[in-house]
Structures are given as structure tokens and as C-alpha cells.
Amino acid sequence: MTKGMPSLAALLGLVAVAGYQNREKIGEFVKGLNASGTGGVGDLVDHLKKTGLGKAADSWIAKGPNAPVTDTQVGDSLGTDLIDILIKQTGLSRYELLARLSKILPEAVDKMTPDGKLPT
């Protein structure tokens, strides 16, 4: 397991379950997530950039429309090890997990970066 993967898994697991279930309240959810020290949006964006989703992640941070991502892109970016952790953590199937993350990640990162830049 690479450095940062447990906190990234915790962040993504919370986004997949709580963020999906409370989409209308995602701004409040994300603020609480950042305050909890679970793992920052910077770690998530760094991971996405290293694994081929940099342009999409940059669009989520920037002001303006969010680039969509597919289930396959999210799965390829996160990798089998992290996906397996998330499946165990959330109890979701691989299909459901990736479907949720591909829909909620752009919105979650957008809400975590309201000023169009990563928090410091």
C-alpha cells in the first residue's frame, strides 16, 4: 500500500457513501470532511493527476464547468488495490462504487475548492 492510501481510501469511501446519499448537502458534507482531517482534497487531486485524470481534476478545481469522468476512468485512476479497499469499506459492489464516484467526485472536488484553487 502506498503512502497516503489509507487517508485517500477514507476520503473516497465517505464521498462514495455519505456524499452520494446527501448530494443536496454536499457542500456541508465536504466542509465537515475537511475539518475531520480524514485526508485532503490535495491528496486526492495529486493522485488523480498522477494517474491520468489531471485535466478533469483541474476542471473541477477551476471555476466553470466540471469535466465528466467515466466509471472506467475512475477505476483505472484509483487502481485495483484502492478499489478493493473501498469495496470492503463501503460494502458496495465494484460497479456501484465506480458509478457513484464518477458522478460525485467532480461535484465534491468542486465544492472543496470554491475559490478555484486547492486549499492551503
PDB file of N, CA and C in Angstrom:
ATOM      1  N   MET A   1       0.857  -1.174   0.000  1.00  0.00           N
ATOM      2  CA  MET A   1       0.000   0.000   0.000  1.00  0.00           C
ATOM      3  C   MET A   1       0.902   1.236   0.000  1.00  0.00           C
ATOM      4  N   THR A   2       0.598   2.169  -0.859  1.00  0.00           N
ATOM      5  CA  THR A   2       1.427   3.356  -0.960  1.00  0.00           C
ATOM      6  C   THR A   2       1.086   4.347   0.132  1.00  0.00           C
ATOM      7  N   LYS A   3       2.028   5.243   0.397  1.00  0.00           N
ATOM      8  CA  LYS A   3       1.828   6.281   1.398  1.00  0.00           C
ATOM      9  C   LYS A   3       0.602   7.109   1.023  1.00  0.00           C
ATOM     10  N   GLY A   4      -0.231   7.398   2.001  1.00  0.00           N
ATOM     11  CA  GLY A   4      -1.410   8.212   1.752  1.00  0.00           C
ATOM     12  C   GLY A   4      -2.636   7.430   1.330  1.00  0.00           C
ATOM     13  N   MET A   5      -2.474   6.136   1.026  1.00  0.00           N
ATOM     14  CA  MET A   5      -3.627   5.372   0.549  1.00  0.00           C
ATOM     15  C   MET A   5      -4.707   5.202   1.618  1.00  0.00           C
ATOM     16  N   PRO A   6      -4.364   4.975   2.915  1.00  0.00           N
ATOM     17  CA  PRO A   6      -5.453   4.849   3.894  1.00  0.00           C
ATOM     18  C   PRO A   6      -6.302   6.117   3.996  1.00  0.00           C
ATOM     19  N   SER A   7      -5.681   7.285   4.031  1.00  0.00           N
ATOM     20  CA  SER A   7      -6.474   8.505   4.133  1.00  0.00           C
ATOM     21  C   SER A   7      -7.245   8.754   2.842  1.00  0.00           C
ATOM     22  N   LEU A   8      -6.660   8.416   1.709  1.00  0.00           N
ATOM     23  CA  LEU A   8      -7.354   8.558   0.431  1.00  0.00           C
ATOM     24  C   LEU A   8      -8.546   7.605   0.385  1.00  0.00           C
ATOM     25  N   ALA A   9      -8.354   6.395   0.888  1.00  0.00           N
ATOM     26  CA  ALA A   9      -9.454   5.426   0.924  1.00  0.00           C
ATOM     27  C   ALA A   9     -10.564   5.930   1.833  1.00  0.00           C
ATOM     28  N   ALA A  10     -10.205   6.510   2.970  1.00  0.00           N
ATOM     29  CA  ALA A  10     -11.219   7.043   3.883  1.00  0.00           C
ATOM     30  C   ALA A  10     -11.997   8.173   3.227  1.00  0.00           C
ATOM     31  N   LEU A  11     -11.296   9.074   2.582  1.00  0.00           N
ATOM     32  CA  LEU A  11     -11.939  10.198   1.900  1.00  0.00           C
ATOM     33  C   LEU A  11     -12.884   9.703   0.813  1.00  0.00           C
ATOM     34  N   LEU A  12     -12.400   8.821  -0.035  1.00  0.00           N
ATOM     35  CA  LEU A  12     -13.218   8.324  -1.145  1.00  0.00           C
ATOM     36  C   LEU A  12     -14.401   7.495  -0.651  1.00  0.00           C
ATOM     37  N   GLY A  13     -14.193   6.727   0.408  1.00  0.00           N
ATOM     38  CA  GLY A  13     -15.284   5.945   0.976  1.00  0.00           C
ATOM     39  C   GLY A  13     -16.396   6.840   1.496  1.00  0.00           C
ATOM     40  N   LEU A  14     -16.003   7.904   2.184  1.00  0.00           N
ATOM     41  CA  LEU A  14     -17.001   8.852   2.683  1.00  0.00           C
ATOM     42  C   LEU A  14     -17.715   9.551   1.545  1.00  0.00           C
ATOM     43  N   VAL A  15     -16.968   9.930   0.519  1.00  0.00           N
ATOM     44  CA  VAL A  15     -17.586  10.579  -0.644  1.00  0.00           C
ATOM     45  C   VAL A  15     -18.561   9.617  -1.316  1.00  0.00           C
ATOM     46  N   ALA A  16     -18.146   8.368  -1.480  1.00  0.00           N
ATOM     47  CA  ALA A  16     -18.984   7.385  -2.175  1.00  0.00           C
ATOM     48  C   ALA A  16     -20.285   7.118  -1.437  1.00  0.00           C
ATOM     49  N   VAL A  17     -20.223   7.043  -0.113  1.00  0.00           N
ATOM     50  CA  VAL A  17     -21.418   6.686   0.650  1.00  0.00           C
ATOM     51  C   VAL A  17     -22.166   7.934   1.116  1.00  0.00           C
ATOM     52  N   ALA A  18     -21.556   8.696   1.995  1.00  0.00           N
ATOM     53  CA  ALA A  18     -22.254   9.851   2.569  1.00  0.00           C
ATOM     54  C   ALA A  18     -22.495  10.944   1.534  1.00  0.00           C
ATOM     55  N   GLY A  19     -21.510  11.208   0.698  1.00  0.00           N
ATOM     56  CA  GLY A  19     -21.670  12.247  -0.314  1.00  0.00           C
ATOM     57  C   GLY A  19     -22.761  11.906  -1.309  1.00  0.00           C
ATOM     58  N   TYR A  20     -22.824  10.656  -1.687  1.00  0.00           N
ATOM     59  CA  TYR A  20     -23.843  10.225  -2.653  1.00  0.00           C
ATOM     60  C   TYR A  20     -25.236  10.290  -2.029  1.00  0.00           C
ATOM     61  N   GLN A  21     -25.338   9.858  -0.791  1.00  0.00           N
ATOM     62  CA  GLN A  21     -26.640   9.830  -0.136  1.00  0.00           C
ATOM     63  C   GLN A  21     -27.150  11.228   0.188  1.00  0.00           C
ATOM     64  N   ASN A  22     -26.246  12.184   0.319  1.00  0.00           N
ATOM     65  CA  ASN A  22     -26.617  13.538   0.709  1.00  0.00           C
ATOM     66  C   ASN A  22     -26.165  14.552  -0.334  1.00  0.00           C
ATOM     67  N   ARG A  23     -26.400  14.255  -1.595  1.00  0.00           N
ATOM     68  CA  ARG A  23     -25.889  15.112  -2.656  1.00  0.00           C
ATOM     69  C   ARG A  23     -26.348  16.550  -2.534  1.00  0.00           C
ATOM     70  N   GLU A  24     -27.576  16.749  -2.069  1.00  0.00           N
ATOM     71  CA  GLU A  24     -28.062  18.114  -1.959  1.00  0.00           C
ATOM     72  C   GLU A  24     -27.341  18.883  -0.855  1.00  0.00           C
ATOM     73  N   LYS A  25     -26.667  18.174   0.045  1.00  0.00           N
ATOM     74  CA  LYS A  25     -25.950  18.821   1.144  1.00  0.00           C
ATOM     75  C   LYS A  25     -24.446  18.627   1.012  1.00  0.00           C
ATOM     76  N   ILE A  26     -23.959  18.400  -0.199  1.00  0.00           N
ATOM     77  CA  ILE A  26     -22.555  18.032  -0.350  1.00  0.00           C
ATOM     78  C   ILE A  26     -21.595  19.118   0.124  1.00  0.00           C
ATOM     79  N   GLY A  27     -21.960  20.380  -0.014  1.00  0.00           N
ATOM     80  CA  GLY A  27     -21.088  21.458   0.463  1.00  0.00           C
ATOM     81  C   GLY A  27     -20.826  21.350   1.955  1.00  0.00           C
ATOM     82  N   GLU A  28     -21.886  21.144   2.725  1.00  0.00           N
ATOM     83  CA  GLU A  28     -21.747  20.988   4.172  1.00  0.00           C
ATOM     84  C   GLU A  28     -20.978  19.705   4.497  1.00  0.00           C
ATOM     85  N   PHE A  29     -21.287  18.645   3.785  1.00  0.00           N
ATOM     86  CA  PHE A  29     -20.614  17.364   3.987  1.00  0.00           C
ATOM     87  C   PHE A  29     -19.107  17.497   3.789  1.00  0.00           C
ATOM     88  N   VAL A  30     -18.718  18.173   2.705  1.00  0.00           N
ATOM     89  CA  VAL A  30     -17.308  18.318   2.381  1.00  0.00           C
ATOM     90  C   VAL A  30     -16.585  19.190   3.406  1.00  0.00           C
ATOM     91  N   LYS A  31     -17.239  20.243   3.876  1.00  0.00           N
ATOM     92  CA  LYS A  31     -16.625  21.084   4.917  1.00  0.00           C
ATOM     93  C   LYS A  31     -16.330  20.252   6.153  1.00  0.00           C
ATOM     94  N   GLY A  32     -17.276  19.411   6.543  1.00  0.00           N
ATOM     95  CA  GLY A  32     -17.070  18.530   7.685  1.00  0.00           C
ATOM     96  C   GLY A  32     -15.973  17.521   7.437  1.00  0.00           C
ATOM     97  N   LEU A  33     -15.889  17.047   6.213  1.00  0.00           N
ATOM     98  CA  LEU A  33     -14.855  16.094   5.829  1.00  0.00           C
ATOM     99  C   LEU A  33     -13.473  16.726   5.950  1.00  0.00           C
ATOM    100  N   ASN A  34     -13.320  17.954   5.451  1.00  0.00           N
ATOM    101  CA  ASN A  34     -12.038  18.655   5.556  1.00  0.00           C
ATOM    102  C   ASN A  34     -11.669  18.886   7.011  1.00  0.00           C
ATOM    103  N   ALA A  35     -12.647  19.247   7.840  1.00  0.00           N
ATOM    104  CA  ALA A  35     -12.386  19.528   9.245  1.00  0.00           C
ATOM    105  C   ALA A  35     -12.001  18.265  10.011  1.00  0.00           C
ATOM    106  N   SER A  36     -12.433  17.106   9.523  1.00  0.00           N
ATOM    107  CA  SER A  36     -12.166  15.865  10.236  1.00  0.00           C
ATOM    108  C   SER A  36     -10.732  15.377  10.058  1.00  0.00           C
ATOM    109  N   GLY A  37      -9.990  15.968   9.138  1.00  0.00           N
ATOM    110  CA  GLY A  37      -8.605  15.540   8.916  1.00  0.00           C
ATOM    111  C   GLY A  37      -8.506  14.181   8.262  1.00  0.00           C
ATOM    112  N   THR A  38      -9.551  13.740   7.601  1.00  0.00           N
ATOM    113  CA  THR A  38      -9.594  12.404   7.012  1.00  0.00           C
ATOM    114  C   THR A  38      -8.591  12.241   5.882  1.00  0.00           C
ATOM    115  N   GLY A  39      -8.313  13.248   5.185  1.00  0.00           N
ATOM    116  CA  GLY A  39      -7.427  13.206   4.027  1.00  0.00           C
ATOM    117  C   GLY A  39      -7.878  14.328   3.133  1.00  0.00           C
ATOM    118  N   GLY A  40      -6.966  15.111   2.686  1.00  0.00           N
ATOM    119  CA  GLY A  40      -7.351  16.327   1.999  1.00  0.00           C
ATOM    120  C   GLY A  40      -7.613  16.165   0.522  1.00  0.00           C
ATOM    121  N   VAL A  41      -8.276  17.182   0.013  1.00  0.00           N
ATOM    122  CA  VAL A  41      -8.550  17.228  -1.412  1.00  0.00           C
ATOM    123  C   VAL A  41      -7.242  17.298  -2.197  1.00  0.00           C
ATOM    124  N   GLY A  42      -6.211  17.897  -1.627  1.00  0.00           N
ATOM    125  CA  GLY A  42      -4.910  17.961  -2.299  1.00  0.00           C
ATOM    126  C   GLY A  42      -4.355  16.574  -2.580  1.00  0.00           C
ATOM    127  N   ASP A  43      -4.476  15.667  -1.600  1.00  0.00           N
ATOM    128  CA  ASP A  43      -4.009  14.286  -1.786  1.00  0.00           C
ATOM    129  C   ASP A  43      -4.789  13.605  -2.910  1.00  0.00           C
ATOM    130  N   LEU A  44      -6.088  13.842  -2.912  1.00  0.00           N
ATOM    131  CA  LEU A  44      -6.937  13.245  -3.944  1.00  0.00           C
ATOM    132  C   LEU A  44      -6.559  13.775  -5.321  1.00  0.00           C
ATOM    133  N   VAL A  45      -6.426  15.086  -5.442  1.00  0.00           N
ATOM    134  CA  VAL A  45      -6.093  15.686  -6.735  1.00  0.00           C
ATOM    135  C   VAL A  45      -4.702  15.244  -7.188  1.00  0.00           C
ATOM    136  N   ASP A  46      -3.742  15.187  -6.276  1.00  0.00           N
ATOM    137  CA  ASP A  46      -2.405  14.697  -6.633  1.00  0.00           C
ATOM    138  C   ASP A  46      -2.483  13.288  -7.196  1.00  0.00           C
ATOM    139  N   HIS A  47      -3.257  12.445  -6.541  1.00  0.00           N
ATOM    140  CA  HIS A  47      -3.410  11.064  -7.001  1.00  0.00           C
ATOM    141  C   HIS A  47      -4.035  11.031  -8.392  1.00  0.00           C
ATOM    142  N   LEU A  48      -5.086  11.810  -8.582  1.00  0.00           N
ATOM    143  CA  LEU A  48      -5.757  11.827  -9.885  1.00  0.00           C
ATOM    144  C   LEU A  48      -4.821  12.323 -10.985  1.00  0.00           C
ATOM    145  N   LYS A  49      -4.013  13.330 -10.668  1.00  0.00           N
ATOM    146  CA  LYS A  49      -3.075  13.861 -11.663  1.00  0.00           C
ATOM    147  C   LYS A  49      -2.007  12.834 -12.026  1.00  0.00           C
ATOM    148  N   LYS A  50      -1.552  12.079 -11.043  1.00  0.00           N
ATOM    149  CA  LYS A  50      -0.515  11.068 -11.291  1.00  0.00           C
ATOM    150  C   LYS A  50      -1.048   9.875 -12.074  1.00  0.00           C
ATOM    151  N   THR A  51      -2.364   9.722 -12.087  1.00  0.00           N
ATOM    152  CA  THR A  51      -2.949   8.533 -12.699  1.00  0.00           C
ATOM    153  C   THR A  51      -3.829   8.847 -13.901  1.00  0.00           C
ATOM    154  N   GLY A  52      -3.598   9.999 -14.526  1.00  0.00           N
ATOM    155  CA  GLY A  52      -4.230  10.274 -15.809  1.00  0.00           C
ATOM    156  C   GLY A  52      -5.483  11.124 -15.817  1.00  0.00           C
ATOM    157  N   LEU A  53      -5.947  11.585 -14.664  1.00  0.00           N
ATOM    158  CA  LEU A  53      -7.158  12.402 -14.640  1.00  0.00           C
ATOM    159  C   LEU A  53      -6.861  13.856 -14.271  1.00  0.00           C
ATOM    160  N   GLY A  54      -5.654  14.299 -14.552  1.00  0.00           N
ATOM    161  CA  GLY A  54      -5.248  15.655 -14.196  1.00  0.00           C
ATOM    162  C   GLY A  54      -6.091  16.744 -14.833  1.00  0.00           C
ATOM    163  N   LYS A  55      -6.376  16.623 -16.129  1.00  0.00           N
ATOM    164  CA  LYS A  55      -7.171  17.650 -16.811  1.00  0.00           C
ATOM    165  C   LYS A  55      -8.579  17.718 -16.233  1.00  0.00           C
ATOM    166  N   ALA A  56      -9.165  16.571 -15.981  1.00  0.00           N
ATOM    167  CA  ALA A  56     -10.509  16.548 -15.397  1.00  0.00           C
ATOM    168  C   ALA A  56     -10.486  17.162 -13.999  1.00  0.00           C
ATOM    169  N   ALA A  57      -9.519  16.751 -13.174  1.00  0.00           N
ATOM    170  CA  ALA A  57      -9.426  17.273 -11.809  1.00  0.00           C
ATOM    171  C   ALA A  57      -9.193  18.785 -11.816  1.00  0.00           C
ATOM    172  N   ASP A  58      -8.363  19.268 -12.731  1.00  0.00           N
ATOM    173  CA  ASP A  58      -8.134  20.713 -12.836  1.00  0.00           C
ATOM    174  C   ASP A  58      -9.437  21.450 -13.157  1.00  0.00           C
ATOM    175  N   SER A  59     -10.283  20.849 -13.989  1.00  0.00           N
ATOM    176  CA  SER A  59     -11.558  21.495 -14.331  1.00  0.00           C
ATOM    177  C   SER A  59     -12.492  21.528 -13.117  1.00  0.00           C
ATOM    178  N   TRP A  60     -12.387  20.546 -12.236  1.00  0.00           N
ATOM    179  CA  TRP A  60     -13.230  20.515 -11.049  1.00  0.00           C
ATOM    180  C   TRP A  60     -12.821  21.608 -10.065  1.00  0.00           C
ATOM    181  N   ILE A  61     -11.516  21.894 -10.034  1.00  0.00           N
ATOM    182  CA  ILE A  61     -10.991  22.926  -9.141  1.00  0.00           C
ATOM    183  C   ILE A  61     -11.306  24.313  -9.685  1.00  0.00           C
ATOM    184  N   ALA A  62     -11.085  24.496 -10.968  1.00  0.00           N
ATOM    185  CA  ALA A  62     -11.275  25.805 -11.603  1.00  0.00           C
ATOM    186  C   ALA A  62     -12.745  26.197 -11.605  1.00  0.00           C
ATOM    187  N   LYS A  63     -12.961  27.486 -11.694  1.00  0.00           N
ATOM    188  CA  LYS A  63     -14.339  27.971 -11.835  1.00  0.00           C
ATOM    189  C   LYS A  63     -14.802  27.628 -13.243  1.00  0.00           C
ATOM    190  N   GLY A  64     -16.056  27.285 -13.388  1.00  0.00           N
ATOM    191  CA  GLY A  64     -16.580  26.883 -14.689  1.00  0.00           C
ATOM    192  C   GLY A  64     -17.061  25.457 -14.643  1.00  0.00           C
ATOM    193  N   PRO A  65     -17.407  24.913 -15.820  1.00  0.00           N
ATOM    194  CA  PRO A  65     -17.982  23.566 -15.859  1.00  0.00           C
ATOM    195  C   PRO A  65     -16.974  22.491 -15.456  1.00  0.00           C
ATOM    196  N   ASN A  66     -17.491  21.434 -14.852  1.00  0.00           N
ATOM    197  CA  ASN A  66     -16.678  20.288 -14.438  1.00  0.00           C
ATOM    198  C   ASN A  66     -16.650  19.249 -15.550  1.00  0.00           C
ATOM    199  N   ALA A  67     -15.456  18.817 -15.930  1.00  0.00           N
ATOM    200  CA  ALA A  67     -15.331  17.758 -16.927  1.00  0.00           C
ATOM    201  C   ALA A  67     -15.857  16.450 -16.335  1.00  0.00           C
ATOM    202  N   PRO A  68     -16.655  15.713 -17.093  1.00  0.00           N
ATOM    203  CA  PRO A  68     -17.150  14.430 -16.598  1.00  0.00           C
ATOM    204  C   PRO A  68     -16.061  13.362 -16.666  1.00  0.00           C
ATOM    205  N   VAL A  69     -16.230  12.324 -15.872  1.00  0.00           N
ATOM    206  CA  VAL A  69     -15.362  11.148 -15.936  1.00  0.00           C
ATOM    207  C   VAL A  69     -16.252   9.910 -15.970  1.00  0.00           C
ATOM    208  N   THR A  70     -15.738   8.866 -16.565  1.00  0.00           N
ATOM    209  CA  THR A  70     -16.481   7.613 -16.647  1.00  0.00           C
ATOM    210  C   THR A  70     -16.109   6.691 -15.498  1.00  0.00           C
ATOM    211  N   ASP A  71     -16.935   5.688 -15.300  1.00  0.00           N
ATOM    212  CA  ASP A  71     -16.643   4.665 -14.294  1.00  0.00           C
ATOM    213  C   ASP A  71     -15.275   4.030 -14.566  1.00  0.00           C
ATOM    214  N   THR A  72     -15.014   3.737 -15.834  1.00  0.00           N
ATOM    215  CA  THR A  72     -13.754   3.106 -16.221  1.00  0.00           C
ATOM    216  C   THR A  72     -12.566   4.006 -15.903  1.00  0.00           C
ATOM    217  N   GLN A  73     -12.681   5.301 -16.208  1.00  0.00           N
ATOM    218  CA  GLN A  73     -11.584   6.230 -15.901  1.00  0.00           C
ATOM    219  C   GLN A  73     -11.304   6.279 -14.404  1.00  0.00           C
ATOM    220  N   VAL A  74     -12.352   6.333 -13.595  1.00  0.00           N
ATOM    221  CA  VAL A  74     -12.182   6.370 -12.145  1.00  0.00           C
ATOM    222  C   VAL A  74     -11.528   5.076 -11.668  1.00  0.00           C
ATOM    223  N   GLY A  75     -12.004   3.953 -12.164  1.00  0.00           N
ATOM    224  CA  GLY A  75     -11.431   2.668 -11.780  1.00  0.00           C
ATOM    225  C   GLY A  75      -9.966   2.552 -12.155  1.00  0.00           C
ATOM    226  N   ASP A  76      -9.627   2.987 -13.382  1.00  0.00           N
ATOM    227  CA  ASP A  76      -8.228   2.941 -13.823  1.00  0.00           C
ATOM    228  C   ASP A  76      -7.358   3.866 -12.983  1.00  0.00           C
ATOM    229  N   SER A  77      -7.883   5.043 -12.648  1.00  0.00           N
ATOM    230  CA  SER A  77      -7.122   6.020 -11.875  1.00  0.00           C
ATOM    231  C   SER A  77      -6.877   5.538 -10.443  1.00  0.00           C
ATOM    232  N   LEU A  78      -7.901   4.984  -9.823  1.00  0.00           N
ATOM    233  CA  LEU A  78      -7.761   4.567  -8.430  1.00  0.00           C
ATOM    234  C   LEU A  78      -6.987   3.265  -8.289  1.00  0.00           C
ATOM    235  N   GLY A  79      -7.098   2.384  -9.260  1.00  0.00           N
ATOM    236  CA  GLY A  79      -6.356   1.131  -9.218  1.00  0.00           C
ATOM    237  C   GLY A  79      -7.063   0.058  -8.402  1.00  0.00           C
ATOM    238  N   THR A  80      -6.702  -1.171  -8.673  1.00  0.00           N
ATOM    239  CA  THR A  80      -7.352  -2.331  -8.058  1.00  0.00           C
ATOM    240  C   THR A  80      -7.219  -2.345  -6.547  1.00  0.00           C
ATOM    241  N   ASP A  81      -6.020  -2.045  -6.011  1.00  0.00           N
ATOM    242  CA  ASP A  81      -5.818  -2.105  -4.557  1.00  0.00           C
ATOM    243  C   ASP A  81      -6.749  -1.147  -3.832  1.00  0.00           C
ATOM    244  N   LEU A  82      -6.804   0.103  -4.301  1.00  0.00           N
ATOM    245  CA  LEU A  82      -7.650   1.099  -3.655  1.00  0.00           C
ATOM    246  C   LEU A  82      -9.125   0.766  -3.847  1.00  0.00           C
ATOM    247  N   ILE A  83      -9.503   0.310  -5.019  1.00  0.00           N
ATOM    248  CA  ILE A  83     -10.901  -0.082  -5.272  1.00  0.00           C
ATOM    249  C   ILE A  83     -11.299  -1.222  -4.324  1.00  0.00           C
ATOM    250  N   ASP A  84     -10.413  -2.205  -4.140  1.00  0.00           N
ATOM    251  CA  ASP A  84     -10.716  -3.314  -3.234  1.00  0.00           C
ATOM    252  C   ASP A  84     -10.910  -2.825  -1.801  1.00  0.00           C
ATOM    253  N   ILE A  85     -10.079  -1.885  -1.359  1.00  0.00           N
ATOM    254  CA  ILE A  85     -10.231  -1.299  -0.021  1.00  0.00           C
ATOM    255  C   ILE A  85     -11.592  -0.624   0.090  1.00  0.00           C
ATOM    256  N   LEU A  86     -11.954   0.142  -0.934  1.00  0.00           N
ATOM    257  CA  LEU A  86     -13.221   0.874  -0.909  1.00  0.00           C
ATOM    258  C   LEU A  86     -14.426  -0.061  -0.934  1.00  0.00           C
ATOM    259  N   ILE A  87     -14.333  -1.160  -1.675  1.00  0.00           N
ATOM    260  CA  ILE A  87     -15.423  -2.137  -1.709  1.00  0.00           C
ATOM    261  C   ILE A  87     -15.633  -2.719  -0.315  1.00  0.00           C
ATOM    262  N   LYS A  88     -14.528  -3.088   0.357  1.00  0.00           N
ATOM    263  CA  LYS A  88     -14.630  -3.632   1.718  1.00  0.00           C
ATOM    264  C   LYS A  88     -15.158  -2.577   2.684  1.00  0.00           C
ATOM    265  N   GLN A  89     -14.685  -1.351   2.538  1.00  0.00           N
ATOM    266  CA  GLN A  89     -15.052  -0.264   3.440  1.00  0.00           C
ATOM    267  C   GLN A  89     -16.522   0.136   3.309  1.00  0.00           C
ATOM    268  N   THR A  90     -17.016   0.164   2.080  1.00  0.00           N
ATOM    269  CA  THR A  90     -18.366   0.674   1.842  1.00  0.00           C
ATOM    270  C   THR A  90     -19.433  -0.404   1.730  1.00  0.00           C
ATOM    271  N   GLY A  91     -19.027  -1.628   1.402  1.00  0.00           N
ATOM    272  CA  GLY A  91     -19.996  -2.688   1.177  1.00  0.00           C
ATOM    273  C   GLY A  91     -20.667  -2.599  -0.185  1.00  0.00           C
ATOM    274  N   LEU A  92     -20.224  -1.676  -1.015  1.00  0.00           N
ATOM    275  CA  LEU A  92     -20.795  -1.510  -2.353  1.00  0.00           C
ATOM    276  C   LEU A  92     -20.130  -2.481  -3.327  1.00  0.00           C
ATOM    277  N   SER A  93     -20.833  -2.806  -4.393  1.00  0.00           N
ATOM    278  CA  SER A  93     -20.215  -3.590  -5.456  1.00  0.00           C
ATOM    279  C   SER A  93     -19.244  -2.685  -6.215  1.00  0.00           C
ATOM    280  N   ARG A  94     -18.334  -3.292  -6.957  1.00  0.00           N
ATOM    281  CA  ARG A  94     -17.398  -2.506  -7.771  1.00  0.00           C
ATOM    282  C   ARG A  94     -18.166  -1.590  -8.732  1.00  0.00           C
ATOM    283  N   TYR A  95     -19.191  -2.137  -9.353  1.00  0.00           N
ATOM    284  CA  TYR A  95     -19.980  -1.372 -10.311  1.00  0.00           C
ATOM    285  C   TYR A  95     -20.626  -0.156  -9.639  1.00  0.00           C
ATOM    286  N   GLU A  96     -21.287  -0.381  -8.507  1.00  0.00           N
ATOM    287  CA  GLU A  96     -21.978   0.707  -7.804  1.00  0.00           C
ATOM    288  C   GLU A  96     -20.979   1.739  -7.272  1.00  0.00           C
ATOM    289  N   LEU A  97     -19.869   1.276  -6.728  1.00  0.00           N
ATOM    290  CA  LEU A  97     -18.845   2.188  -6.207  1.00  0.00           C
ATOM    291  C   LEU A  97     -18.329   3.112  -7.303  1.00  0.00           C
ATOM    292  N   LEU A  98     -17.952   2.538  -8.438  1.00  0.00           N
ATOM    293  CA  LEU A  98     -17.408   3.352  -9.532  1.00  0.00           C
ATOM    294  C   LEU A  98     -18.470   4.261 -10.130  1.00  0.00           C
ATOM    295  N   ALA A  99     -19.717   3.788 -10.199  1.00  0.00           N
ATOM    296  CA  ALA A  99     -20.799   4.627 -10.713  1.00  0.00           C
ATOM    297  C   ALA A  99     -21.002   5.845  -9.811  1.00  0.00           C
ATOM    298  N   ARG A 100     -20.977   5.615  -8.508  1.00  0.00           N
ATOM    299  CA  ARG A 100     -21.153   6.731  -7.574  1.00  0.00           C
ATOM    300  C   ARG A 100     -19.980   7.696  -7.651  1.00  0.00           C
ATOM    301  N   LEU A 101     -18.770   7.165  -7.609  1.00  0.00           N
ATOM    302  CA  LEU A 101     -17.595   8.041  -7.608  1.00  0.00           C
ATOM    303  C   LEU A 101     -17.495   8.858  -8.891  1.00  0.00           C
ATOM    304  N   SER A 102     -17.827   8.259 -10.026  1.00  0.00           N
ATOM    305  CA  SER A 102     -17.716   9.010 -11.283  1.00  0.00           C
ATOM    306  C   SER A 102     -18.703  10.170 -11.330  1.00  0.00           C
ATOM    307  N   LYS A 103     -19.806  10.044 -10.620  1.00  0.00           N
ATOM    308  CA  LYS A 103     -20.796  11.122 -10.591  1.00  0.00           C
ATOM    309  C   LYS A 103     -20.501  12.152  -9.505  1.00  0.00           C
ATOM    310  N   ILE A 104     -20.049  11.696  -8.334  1.00  0.00           N
ATOM    311  CA  ILE A 104     -19.929  12.594  -7.188  1.00  0.00           C
ATOM    312  C   ILE A 104     -18.544  13.247  -7.069  1.00  0.00           C
ATOM    313  N   LEU A 105     -17.488  12.612  -7.583  1.00  0.00           N
ATOM    314  CA  LEU A 105     -16.146  13.203  -7.449  1.00  0.00           C
ATOM    315  C   LEU A 105     -16.030  14.595  -8.065  1.00  0.00           C
ATOM    316  N   PRO A 106     -16.514  14.809  -9.292  1.00  0.00           N
ATOM    317  CA  PRO A 106     -16.396  16.165  -9.845  1.00  0.00           C
ATOM    318  C   PRO A 106     -17.073  17.216  -8.958  1.00  0.00           C
ATOM    319  N   GLU A 107     -18.263  16.889  -8.462  1.00  0.00           N
ATOM    320  CA  GLU A 107     -19.000  17.824  -7.613  1.00  0.00           C
ATOM    321  C   GLU A 107     -18.300  18.011  -6.268  1.00  0.00           C
ATOM    322  N   ALA A 108     -17.802  16.920  -5.691  1.00  0.00           N
ATOM    323  CA  ALA A 108     -17.145  17.006  -4.389  1.00  0.00           C
ATOM    324  C   ALA A 108     -15.886  17.864  -4.461  1.00  0.00           C
ATOM    325  N   VAL A 109     -15.040  17.616  -5.456  1.00  0.00           N
ATOM    326  CA  VAL A 109     -13.809  18.405  -5.593  1.00  0.00           C
ATOM    327  C   VAL A 109     -14.155  19.867  -5.872  1.00  0.00           C
ATOM    328  N   ASP A 110     -15.173  20.098  -6.696  1.00  0.00           N
ATOM    329  CA  ASP A 110     -15.622  21.454  -6.984  1.00  0.00           C
ATOM    330  C   ASP A 110     -16.031  22.169  -5.701  1.00  0.00           C
ATOM    331  N   LYS A 111     -16.800  21.491  -4.849  1.00  0.00           N
ATOM    332  CA  LYS A 111     -17.258  22.092  -3.594  1.00  0.00           C
ATOM    333  C   LYS A 111     -16.112  22.295  -2.600  1.00  0.00           C
ATOM    334  N   MET A 112     -15.073  21.436  -2.675  1.00  0.00           N
ATOM    335  CA  MET A 112     -13.928  21.573  -1.769  1.00  0.00           C
ATOM    336  C   MET A 112     -12.996  22.693  -2.193  1.00  0.00           C
ATOM    337  N   THR A 113     -13.190  23.193  -3.398  1.00  0.00           N
ATOM    338  CA  THR A 113     -12.305  24.235  -3.937  1.00  0.00           C
ATOM    339  C   THR A 113     -13.136  25.420  -4.455  1.00  0.00           C
ATOM    340  N   PRO A 114     -13.925  26.068  -3.582  1.00  0.00           N
ATOM    341  CA  PRO A 114     -14.838  27.115  -4.043  1.00  0.00           C
ATOM    342  C   PRO A 114     -14.126  28.340  -4.618  1.00  0.00           C
ATOM    343  N   ASP A 115     -12.885  28.561  -4.246  1.00  0.00           N
ATOM    344  CA  ASP A 115     -12.158  29.725  -4.746  1.00  0.00           C
ATOM    345  C   ASP A 115     -11.389  29.438  -6.028  1.00  0.00           C
ATOM    346  N   GLY A 116     -11.581  28.254  -6.591  1.00  0.00           N
ATOM    347  CA  GLY A 116     -10.895  27.893  -7.822  1.00  0.00           C
ATOM    348  C   GLY A 116      -9.451  27.500  -7.622  1.00  0.00           C
ATOM    349  N   LYS A 117      -9.099  27.126  -6.378  1.00  0.00           N
ATOM    350  CA  LYS A 117      -7.734  26.653  -6.098  1.00  0.00           C
ATOM    351  C   LYS A 117      -7.785  25.710  -4.902  1.00  0.00           C
ATOM    352  N   LEU A 118      -6.743  24.890  -4.794  1.00  0.00           N
ATOM    353  CA  LEU A 118      -6.674  23.945  -3.679  1.00  0.00           C
ATOM    354  C   LEU A 118      -6.483  24.706  -2.373  1.00  0.00           C
ATOM    355  N   PRO A 119      -7.125  24.247  -1.301  1.00  0.00           N
ATOM    356  CA  PRO A 119      -6.911  24.896   0.000  1.00  0.00           C
ATOM    357  C   PRO A 119      -5.474  24.670   0.476  1.00  0.00           C
ATOM    358  N   THR A 120      -4.970  25.638   1.217  1.00  0.00           N
ATOM    359  CA  THR A 120      -3.587  25.506   1.716  1.00  0.00           C
ATOM    360  C   THR A 120      -3.571  25.099   3.168  1.00  0.00           C
TER     361      THR A 120
END
